[in-house]
C-alpha cells in the first residue's frame, strides 16, 4: 500500500514541475494553476478518505492526508513563484 502513496507523491511533484515549465513568464496561468492545486488538495480529501480508510485503514488515511498536504503546499509554492514571475517580454 505504501507504493501507491509513493507513486501519488511522485505524480504530485511531477505535476508541479510540469506546470512550472509550461507556464514560464505567465503570471496569470501560474496563479490559476496554484488555485487548482489548492482546490484539488482541499476538495478531494473528504471524497477519498472513505475509500482509502476502507482499504488502508488508519495508515491509508495518514498517507492520504500527507499526500494532500503536499499538493496544497505545491499550490502555495506555485502562488509564491507566480508573484515573483516577470511578465513575458514583447518580441
C-alpha atoms as a PDB file:
ATOM      1  CA  UNK A   1       0.000   0.000   0.000  1.00  0.00           C
ATOM      2  CA  UNK A   2       2.945   2.293   0.658  1.00  0.00           C
ATOM      3  CA  UNK A   3       3.926   2.013  -3.015  1.00  0.00           C
ATOM      4  CA  UNK A   4       0.600   3.564  -4.075  1.00  0.00           C
ATOM      5  CA  UNK A   5       1.153   6.589  -1.843  1.00  0.00           C
ATOM      6  CA  UNK A   6       4.739   6.939  -3.003  1.00  0.00           C
ATOM      7  CA  UNK A   7       3.550   6.977  -6.610  1.00  0.00           C
ATOM      8  CA  UNK A   8       0.888   9.581  -5.740  1.00  0.00           C
ATOM      9  CA  UNK A   9       3.534  11.851  -4.190  1.00  0.00           C
ATOM     10  CA  UNK A  10       5.854  11.477  -7.167  1.00  0.00           C
ATOM     11  CA  UNK A  11       2.958  12.312  -9.504  1.00  0.00           C
ATOM     12  CA  UNK A  12       2.100  15.424  -7.457  1.00  0.00           C
ATOM     13  CA  UNK A  13       5.678  16.691  -7.601  1.00  0.00           C
ATOM     14  CA  UNK A  14       5.917  15.806 -11.288  1.00  0.00           C
ATOM     15  CA  UNK A  15       2.748  17.791 -11.977  1.00  0.00           C
ATOM     16  CA  UNK A  16       4.202  20.793 -10.142  1.00  0.00           C
ATOM     17  CA  UNK A  17       7.379  20.637 -12.236  1.00  0.00           C
ATOM     18  CA  UNK A  18       5.293  20.278 -15.413  1.00  0.00           C
ATOM     19  CA  UNK A  19       3.178  23.337 -14.542  1.00  0.00           C
ATOM     20  CA  UNK A  20       6.260  25.385 -13.690  1.00  0.00           C
ATOM     21  CA  UNK A  21       7.894  24.568 -17.024  1.00  0.00           C
ATOM     22  CA  UNK A  22       4.813  25.146 -19.168  1.00  0.00           C
ATOM     23  CA  UNK A  23       3.898  28.497 -17.571  1.00  0.00           C
ATOM     24  CA  UNK A  24       7.226  30.290 -17.838  1.00  0.00           C
ATOM     25  CA  UNK A  25       6.690  34.095 -17.791  1.00  0.00           C
ATOM     26  CA  UNK A  26       2.908  33.661 -17.454  1.00  0.00           C
ATOM     27  CA  UNK A  27       1.772  35.004 -14.099  1.00  0.00           C
ATOM     28  CA  UNK A  28      -1.962  34.552 -14.596  1.00  0.00           C
ATOM     29  CA  UNK A  29      -1.633  30.903 -15.638  1.00  0.00           C
ATOM     30  CA  UNK A  30       0.589  30.159 -12.648  1.00  0.00           C
ATOM     31  CA  UNK A  31      -1.951  31.715 -10.292  1.00  0.00           C
ATOM     32  CA  UNK A  32      -4.713  29.630 -11.888  1.00  0.00           C
ATOM     33  CA  UNK A  33      -2.551  26.525 -11.521  1.00  0.00           C
ATOM     34  CA  UNK A  34      -1.895  27.360  -7.877  1.00  0.00           C
ATOM     35  CA  UNK A  35      -5.615  27.755  -7.260  1.00  0.00           C
ATOM     36  CA  UNK A  36      -6.228  24.425  -8.964  1.00  0.00           C
ATOM     37  CA  UNK A  37      -3.658  22.680  -6.772  1.00  0.00           C
ATOM     38  CA  UNK A  38      -5.143  24.123  -3.579  1.00  0.00           C
ATOM     39  CA  UNK A  39      -8.746  23.410  -4.555  1.00  0.00           C
ATOM     40  CA  UNK A  40      -7.873  19.859  -5.612  1.00  0.00           C
ATOM     41  CA  UNK A  41      -5.921  19.205  -2.401  1.00  0.00           C
ATOM     42  CA  UNK A  42      -8.684  20.501  -0.165  1.00  0.00           C
ATOM     43  CA  UNK A  43     -11.690  19.385  -2.216  1.00  0.00           C
ATOM     44  CA  UNK A  44     -10.862  15.769  -2.926  1.00  0.00           C
ATOM     45  CA  UNK A  45      -9.603  14.815   0.515  1.00  0.00           C
ATOM     46  CA  UNK A  46     -13.072  14.293   2.053  1.00  0.00           C
ATOM     47  CA  UNK A  47     -14.150  12.292  -1.001  1.00  0.00           C
ATOM     48  CA  UNK A  48     -11.200   9.901  -0.822  1.00  0.00           C
ATOM     49  CA  UNK A  49     -10.972   9.389   2.956  1.00  0.00           C
ATOM     50  CA  UNK A  50     -13.646   6.693   2.984  1.00  0.00           C
ATOM     51  CA  UNK A  51     -12.066   4.807   0.093  1.00  0.00           C
ATOM     52  CA  UNK A  52      -8.509   4.871   1.449  1.00  0.00           C
ATOM     53  CA  UNK A  53      -9.699   4.349   5.010  1.00  0.00           C
ATOM     54  CA  UNK A  54     -11.583   1.221   3.986  1.00  0.00           C
ATOM     55  CA  UNK A  55      -8.676  -0.362   2.104  1.00  0.00           C
ATOM     56  CA  UNK A  56      -5.688   1.020   4.011  1.00  0.00           C
ATOM     57  CA  UNK A  57      -7.095   1.570   7.487  1.00  0.00           C
ATOM     58  CA  UNK A  58      -5.560   4.301   9.605  1.00  0.00           C
ATOM     59  CA  UNK A  59      -2.287   4.164   7.654  1.00  0.00           C
ATOM     60  CA  UNK A  60      -4.186   4.793   4.432  1.00  0.00           C
ATOM     61  CA  UNK A  61      -5.822   7.909   5.840  1.00  0.00           C
ATOM     62  CA  UNK A  62      -2.500   9.207   7.167  1.00  0.00           C
ATOM     63  CA  UNK A  63      -0.738   8.742   3.828  1.00  0.00           C
ATOM     64  CA  UNK A  64      -3.681  10.328   2.018  1.00  0.00           C
ATOM     65  CA  UNK A  65      -3.519  13.302   4.377  1.00  0.00           C
ATOM     66  CA  UNK A  66       0.213  13.695   3.777  1.00  0.00           C
ATOM     67  CA  UNK A  67      -0.273  13.495   0.020  1.00  0.00           C
ATOM     68  CA  UNK A  68      -2.963  16.162   0.050  1.00  0.00           C
ATOM     69  CA  UNK A  69      -0.881  18.373   2.329  1.00  0.00           C
ATOM     70  CA  UNK A  70       1.924  18.046  -0.236  1.00  0.00           C
ATOM     71  CA  UNK A  71      -0.461  19.048  -3.039  1.00  0.00           C
ATOM     72  CA  UNK A  72      -1.661  22.104  -1.085  1.00  0.00           C
ATOM     73  CA  UNK A  73       1.965  23.035  -0.309  1.00  0.00           C
ATOM     74  CA  UNK A  74       2.738  22.776  -4.048  1.00  0.00           C
ATOM     75  CA  UNK A  75      -0.126  25.175  -4.729  1.00  0.00           C
ATOM     76  CA  UNK A  76       1.173  27.648  -2.160  1.00  0.00           C
ATOM     77  CA  UNK A  77       4.694  27.419  -3.586  1.00  0.00           C
ATOM     78  CA  UNK A  78       3.320  27.952  -7.084  1.00  0.00           C
ATOM     79  CA  UNK A  79       1.399  31.048  -5.932  1.00  0.00           C
ATOM     80  CA  UNK A  80       4.539  32.484  -4.349  1.00  0.00           C
ATOM     81  CA  UNK A  81       6.506  31.816  -7.535  1.00  0.00           C
ATOM     82  CA  UNK A  82       3.737  33.472  -9.567  1.00  0.00           C
ATOM     83  CA  UNK A  83       4.020  36.644  -7.506  1.00  0.00           C
ATOM     84  CA  UNK A  84       7.696  36.974  -8.445  1.00  0.00           C
ATOM     85  CA  UNK A  85       7.275  35.997 -12.107  1.00  0.00           C
ATOM     86  CA  UNK A  86       8.198  38.669 -14.609  1.00  0.00           C
ATOM     87  CA  UNK A  87       5.912  39.352 -17.495  1.00  0.00           C
ATOM     88  CA  UNK A  88       6.807  37.889 -20.846  1.00  0.00           C
ATOM     89  CA  UNK A  89       8.911  40.388 -22.824  1.00  0.00           C
ATOM     90  CA  UNK A  90       7.500  41.749 -26.058  1.00  0.00           C
ATOM     91  CA  UNK A  91       9.111  40.385 -29.203  1.00  0.00           C
END
